[in-house]
Amino acid sequence: MPPWRTASKPLPVVTPLLPAHAPACAAIHAASFAHGWSPTDVEGLISDRGVVADGLFLGDPRRPKGFVLSRAVIDEAEILTIALDAAVRGRGLSRALLERHLEALRRAGVTRLHLEVDEANAPARALYARLGFARVGRREGYYRRPDGTSAAALTLALDL
């Protein structure tokens, strides 16, 4: 049984995001990455017809606990970001979110999905490997850390 499925905790629901969810998503993003996006940035992406935007909800449909945004162009897409509230990490919820998002992309006609991940982000890399993503490249010095150092990005792809 997945660790998030207990009698005392609501089941995760993954549904498309609305512009009203942007402030909560921006807060999650800012807490997850060195360079967070503003609510205006997130709202613009959620409202973009070329972006597939899904949120993870646990009980309250107004407060996402995580989200994923992908930009689709014809039959390919790129995950722009995926982030979970720190309070719900480690419960298998990112996999549930991403699996539902992959379904939405397939329904939208996407046949190949791309993403970049910090080479040092072992949990994310493990998740992507479990879902079948394969490494296609590496970008040295791609990410800037708050301390001024840089980190390499791995580029991954998945045939849907």
C-alpha atoms as a PDB file:
ATOM      1  CA  MET A   1       0.000   0.000   0.000  1.00  0.00           C
ATOM      2  CA  PRO A   2       1.409   3.442  -0.911  1.00  0.00           C
ATOM      3  CA  PRO A   3       2.585   5.402   2.153  1.00  0.00           C
ATOM      4  CA  TRP A   4       0.086   8.222   1.489  1.00  0.00           C
ATOM      5  CA  ARG A   5      -2.908   5.864   1.647  1.00  0.00           C
ATOM      6  CA  THR A   6      -3.974   5.729   5.294  1.00  0.00           C
ATOM      7  CA  ALA A   7      -7.334   6.039   7.005  1.00  0.00           C
ATOM      8  CA  SER A   8      -6.478   9.421   8.547  1.00  0.00           C
ATOM      9  CA  LYS A   9      -5.195  11.128   5.396  1.00  0.00           C
ATOM     10  CA  PRO A  10      -7.206  12.142   2.331  1.00  0.00           C
ATOM     11  CA  LEU A  11      -6.424  10.451  -0.948  1.00  0.00           C
ATOM     12  CA  PRO A  12      -4.510  12.520  -3.469  1.00  0.00           C
ATOM     13  CA  VAL A  13      -6.466  14.064  -6.308  1.00  0.00           C
ATOM     14  CA  VAL A  14      -4.710  15.306  -9.434  1.00  0.00           C
ATOM     15  CA  THR A  15      -6.673  17.797 -11.507  1.00  0.00           C
ATOM     16  CA  PRO A  16      -5.911  20.650 -13.904  1.00  0.00           C
ATOM     17  CA  LEU A  17      -4.789  23.858 -12.224  1.00  0.00           C
ATOM     18  CA  LEU A  18      -6.733  27.098 -12.393  1.00  0.00           C
ATOM     19  CA  PRO A  19      -5.251  30.622 -12.413  1.00  0.00           C
ATOM     20  CA  ALA A  20      -6.524  31.020  -8.824  1.00  0.00           C
ATOM     21  CA  HIS A  21      -4.041  28.317  -7.757  1.00  0.00           C
ATOM     22  CA  ALA A  22      -1.052  30.405  -8.904  1.00  0.00           C
ATOM     23  CA  PRO A  23      -0.175  32.016  -5.536  1.00  0.00           C
ATOM     24  CA  ALA A  24      -0.054  28.644  -3.756  1.00  0.00           C
ATOM     25  CA  CYS A  25       1.964  27.095  -6.590  1.00  0.00           C
ATOM     26  CA  ALA A  26       4.406  30.019  -6.571  1.00  0.00           C
ATOM     27  CA  ALA A  27       4.929  29.559  -2.826  1.00  0.00           C
ATOM     28  CA  ILE A  28       5.640  25.841  -3.310  1.00  0.00           C
ATOM     29  CA  HIS A  29       8.015  26.636  -6.173  1.00  0.00           C
ATOM     30  CA  ALA A  30       9.879  29.311  -4.176  1.00  0.00           C
ATOM     31  CA  ALA A  31      10.352  26.869  -1.287  1.00  0.00           C
ATOM     32  CA  SER A  32      11.586  24.156  -3.662  1.00  0.00           C
ATOM     33  CA  PHE A  33      14.048  25.992  -5.909  1.00  0.00           C
ATOM     34  CA  ALA A  34      16.788  28.577  -5.481  1.00  0.00           C
ATOM     35  CA  HIS A  35      15.096  30.872  -8.001  1.00  0.00           C
ATOM     36  CA  GLY A  36      11.342  30.696  -7.487  1.00  0.00           C
ATOM     37  CA  TRP A  37       8.697  31.983  -9.861  1.00  0.00           C
ATOM     38  CA  SER A  38       6.283  34.767  -8.985  1.00  0.00           C
ATOM     39  CA  PRO A  39       2.519  34.204  -8.784  1.00  0.00           C
ATOM     40  CA  THR A  40       2.214  36.252 -11.990  1.00  0.00           C
ATOM     41  CA  ASP A  41       4.712  33.974 -13.769  1.00  0.00           C
ATOM     42  CA  VAL A  42       2.873  30.853 -12.613  1.00  0.00           C
ATOM     43  CA  GLU A  43      -0.533  32.296 -13.503  1.00  0.00           C
ATOM     44  CA  GLY A  44       0.725  33.124 -16.998  1.00  0.00           C
ATOM     45  CA  LEU A  45       1.874  29.537 -17.489  1.00  0.00           C
ATOM     46  CA  ILE A  46      -1.344  28.027 -16.113  1.00  0.00           C
ATOM     47  CA  SER A  47      -3.333  30.265 -18.478  1.00  0.00           C
ATOM     48  CA  ASP A  48      -1.178  29.440 -21.527  1.00  0.00           C
ATOM     49  CA  ARG A  49      -3.053  27.141 -23.928  1.00  0.00           C
ATOM     50  CA  GLY A  50       0.196  25.349 -24.766  1.00  0.00           C
ATOM     51  CA  VAL A  51       0.873  24.428 -21.132  1.00  0.00           C
ATOM     52  CA  VAL A  52      -0.546  21.358 -19.415  1.00  0.00           C
ATOM     53  CA  ALA A  53      -0.855  22.290 -15.731  1.00  0.00           C
ATOM     54  CA  ASP A  54      -1.821  19.717 -13.104  1.00  0.00           C
ATOM     55  CA  GLY A  55      -2.089  20.112  -9.359  1.00  0.00           C
ATOM     56  CA  LEU A  56      -1.971  17.627  -6.512  1.00  0.00           C
ATOM     57  CA  PHE A  57      -4.667  18.187  -3.894  1.00  0.00           C
ATOM     58  CA  LEU A  58      -5.138  16.542  -0.505  1.00  0.00           C
ATOM     59  CA  GLY A  59      -8.575  17.478   0.785  1.00  0.00           C
ATOM     60  CA  ASP A  60      -8.816  21.213   0.062  1.00  0.00           C
ATOM     61  CA  PRO A  61      -9.410  21.827  -3.682  1.00  0.00           C
ATOM     62  CA  ARG A  62      -8.240  25.434  -3.288  1.00  0.00           C
ATOM     63  CA  ARG A  63      -4.749  24.617  -1.957  1.00  0.00           C
ATOM     64  CA  PRO A  64      -2.533  22.456  -4.137  1.00  0.00           C
ATOM     65  CA  LYS A  65       0.165  20.519  -2.315  1.00  0.00           C
ATOM     66  CA  GLY A  66       2.157  20.077  -5.501  1.00  0.00           C
ATOM     67  CA  PHE A  67       2.052  20.785  -9.198  1.00  0.00           C
ATOM     68  CA  VAL A  68       3.639  20.062 -12.556  1.00  0.00           C
ATOM     69  CA  LEU A  69       3.734  22.259 -15.663  1.00  0.00           C
ATOM     70  CA  SER A  70       4.655  21.069 -19.153  1.00  0.00           C
ATOM     71  CA  ARG A  71       4.774  23.001 -22.402  1.00  0.00           C
ATOM     72  CA  ALA A  72       3.484  20.984 -25.357  1.00  0.00           C
ATOM     73  CA  VAL A  73       4.299  21.723 -28.990  1.00  0.00           C
ATOM     74  CA  ILE A  74       2.624  19.407 -31.495  1.00  0.00           C
ATOM     75  CA  ASP A  75       3.639  15.892 -30.335  1.00  0.00           C
ATOM     76  CA  GLU A  76       6.463  16.769 -27.931  1.00  0.00           C
ATOM     77  CA  ALA A  77       6.467  18.377 -24.505  1.00  0.00           C
ATOM     78  CA  GLU A  78       8.921  19.539 -21.878  1.00  0.00           C
ATOM     79  CA  ILE A  79       8.326  19.479 -18.147  1.00  0.00           C
ATOM     80  CA  LEU A  80       8.973  23.057 -17.070  1.00  0.00           C
ATOM     81  CA  THR A  81       8.762  22.324 -13.358  1.00  0.00           C
ATOM     82  CA  ILE A  82       7.458  19.893 -10.800  1.00  0.00           C
ATOM     83  CA  ALA A  83       7.342  20.710  -7.099  1.00  0.00           C
ATOM     84  CA  LEU A  84       5.747  19.396  -3.919  1.00  0.00           C
ATOM     85  CA  ASP A  85       5.130  21.136  -0.636  1.00  0.00           C
ATOM     86  CA  ALA A  86       7.925  20.090   1.738  1.00  0.00           C
ATOM     87  CA  ALA A  87       5.346  18.819   4.252  1.00  0.00           C
ATOM     88  CA  VAL A  88       4.149  16.076   1.870  1.00  0.00           C
ATOM     89  CA  ARG A  89       7.422  14.934   0.321  1.00  0.00           C
ATOM     90  CA  GLY A  90       8.584  11.358   0.749  1.00  0.00           C
ATOM     91  CA  ARG A  91       5.100   9.817   0.568  1.00  0.00           C
ATOM     92  CA  GLY A  92       5.059   8.725  -3.074  1.00  0.00           C
ATOM     93  CA  LEU A  93       2.878  11.650  -4.066  1.00  0.00           C
ATOM     94  CA  SER A  94       5.237  12.987  -6.730  1.00  0.00           C
ATOM     95  CA  ARG A  95       4.885   9.685  -8.566  1.00  0.00           C
ATOM     96  CA  ALA A  96       1.088   9.854  -8.364  1.00  0.00           C
ATOM     97  CA  LEU A  97       1.185  13.443  -9.651  1.00  0.00           C
ATOM     98  CA  LEU A  98       3.560  12.664 -12.487  1.00  0.00           C
ATOM     99  CA  GLU A  99       1.736   9.502 -13.586  1.00  0.00           C
ATOM    100  CA  ARG A 100      -1.540  11.416 -13.925  1.00  0.00           C
ATOM    101  CA  HIS A 101       0.271  14.218 -15.723  1.00  0.00           C
ATOM    102  CA  LEU A 102       1.750  11.729 -18.212  1.00  0.00           C
ATOM    103  CA  GLU A 103      -1.791  10.487 -18.895  1.00  0.00           C
ATOM    104  CA  ALA A 104      -2.940  14.060 -19.586  1.00  0.00           C
ATOM    105  CA  LEU A 105      -0.032  14.597 -21.971  1.00  0.00           C
ATOM    106  CA  ARG A 106      -0.823  11.357 -23.823  1.00  0.00           C
ATOM    107  CA  ARG A 107      -4.458  12.446 -24.183  1.00  0.00           C
ATOM    108  CA  ALA A 108      -3.189  15.757 -25.606  1.00  0.00           C
ATOM    109  CA  GLY A 109      -1.280  13.856 -28.314  1.00  0.00           C
ATOM    110  CA  VAL A 110       2.213  14.092 -26.839  1.00  0.00           C
ATOM    111  CA  THR A 111       4.436  11.173 -27.839  1.00  0.00           C
ATOM    112  CA  ARG A 112       7.793  12.315 -26.405  1.00  0.00           C
ATOM    113  CA  LEU A 113       8.500  14.155 -23.171  1.00  0.00           C
ATOM    114  CA  HIS A 114      11.716  15.943 -22.172  1.00  0.00           C
ATOM    115  CA  LEU A 115      12.988  17.360 -18.888  1.00  0.00           C
ATOM    116  CA  GLU A 116      16.085  18.626 -17.108  1.00  0.00           C
ATOM    117  CA  VAL A 117      17.035  17.632 -13.582  1.00  0.00           C
ATOM    118  CA  ASP A 118      19.846  18.688 -11.267  1.00  0.00           C
ATOM    119  CA  GLU A 119      22.419  15.910 -11.379  1.00  0.00           C
ATOM    120  CA  ALA A 120      22.564  15.980  -7.554  1.00  0.00           C
ATOM    121  CA  ASN A 121      18.785  15.530  -7.102  1.00  0.00           C
ATOM    122  CA  ALA A 122      18.829  11.796  -6.327  1.00  0.00           C
ATOM    123  CA  PRO A 123      15.115  11.468  -5.343  1.00  0.00           C
ATOM    124  CA  ALA A 124      13.939  13.104  -8.583  1.00  0.00           C
ATOM    125  CA  ARG A 125      16.370  11.073 -10.679  1.00  0.00           C
ATOM    126  CA  ALA A 126      15.130   7.858  -9.044  1.00  0.00           C
ATOM    127  CA  LEU A 127      11.514   8.802  -9.740  1.00  0.00           C
ATOM    128  CA  TYR A 128      12.238   9.560 -13.382  1.00  0.00           C
ATOM    129  CA  ALA A 129      14.136   6.279 -13.771  1.00  0.00           C
ATOM    130  CA  ARG A 130      11.191   4.318 -12.287  1.00  0.00           C
ATOM    131  CA  LEU A 131       8.896   5.960 -14.832  1.00  0.00           C
ATOM    132  CA  GLY A 132      11.180   5.015 -17.727  1.00  0.00           C
ATOM    133  CA  PHE A 133      12.957   8.283 -18.523  1.00  0.00           C
ATOM    134  CA  ALA A 134      16.341   7.815 -20.212  1.00  0.00           C
ATOM    135  CA  ARG A 135      19.323  10.152 -20.099  1.00  0.00           C
ATOM    136  CA  VAL A 136      19.965  11.916 -23.386  1.00  0.00           C
ATOM    137  CA  GLY A 137      22.482  14.555 -22.353  1.00  0.00           C
ATOM    138  CA  ARG A 138      24.210  16.642 -19.713  1.00  0.00           C
ATOM    139  CA  ARG A 139      24.543  20.417 -19.377  1.00  0.00           C
ATOM    140  CA  GLU A 140      27.529  21.490 -17.305  1.00  0.00           C
ATOM    141  CA  GLY A 141      26.973  24.490 -15.001  1.00  0.00           C
ATOM    142  CA  TYR A 142      23.280  24.763 -15.925  1.00  0.00           C
ATOM    143  CA  TYR A 143      21.868  25.499 -12.453  1.00  0.00           C
ATOM    144  CA  ARG A 144      23.034  28.271 -10.116  1.00  0.00           C
ATOM    145  CA  ARG A 145      22.865  27.472  -6.433  1.00  0.00           C
ATOM    146  CA  PRO A 146      22.188  30.131  -3.769  1.00  0.00           C
ATOM    147  CA  ASP A 147      25.837  29.953  -2.655  1.00  0.00           C
ATOM    148  CA  GLY A 148      26.993  30.912  -6.165  1.00  0.00           C
ATOM    149  CA  THR A 149      28.198  27.472  -7.198  1.00  0.00           C
ATOM    150  CA  SER A 150      26.818  25.762 -10.258  1.00  0.00           C
ATOM    151  CA  ALA A 151      25.416  22.308 -10.880  1.00  0.00           C
ATOM    152  CA  ALA A 152      25.065  20.169 -13.964  1.00  0.00           C
ATOM    153  CA  ALA A 153      21.681  19.308 -15.431  1.00  0.00           C
ATOM    154  CA  LEU A 154      20.878  15.940 -16.901  1.00  0.00           C
ATOM    155  CA  THR A 155      18.516  15.975 -19.849  1.00  0.00           C
ATOM    156  CA  LEU A 156      16.083  13.071 -19.906  1.00  0.00           C
ATOM    157  CA  ALA A 157      13.422  11.893 -22.325  1.00  0.00           C
ATOM    158  CA  LEU A 158      10.495   9.491 -22.277  1.00  0.00           C
ATOM    159  CA  ASP A 159       8.538   8.064 -25.185  1.00  0.00           C
ATOM    160  CA  LEU A 160       4.891   8.104 -24.271  1.00  0.00           C
END
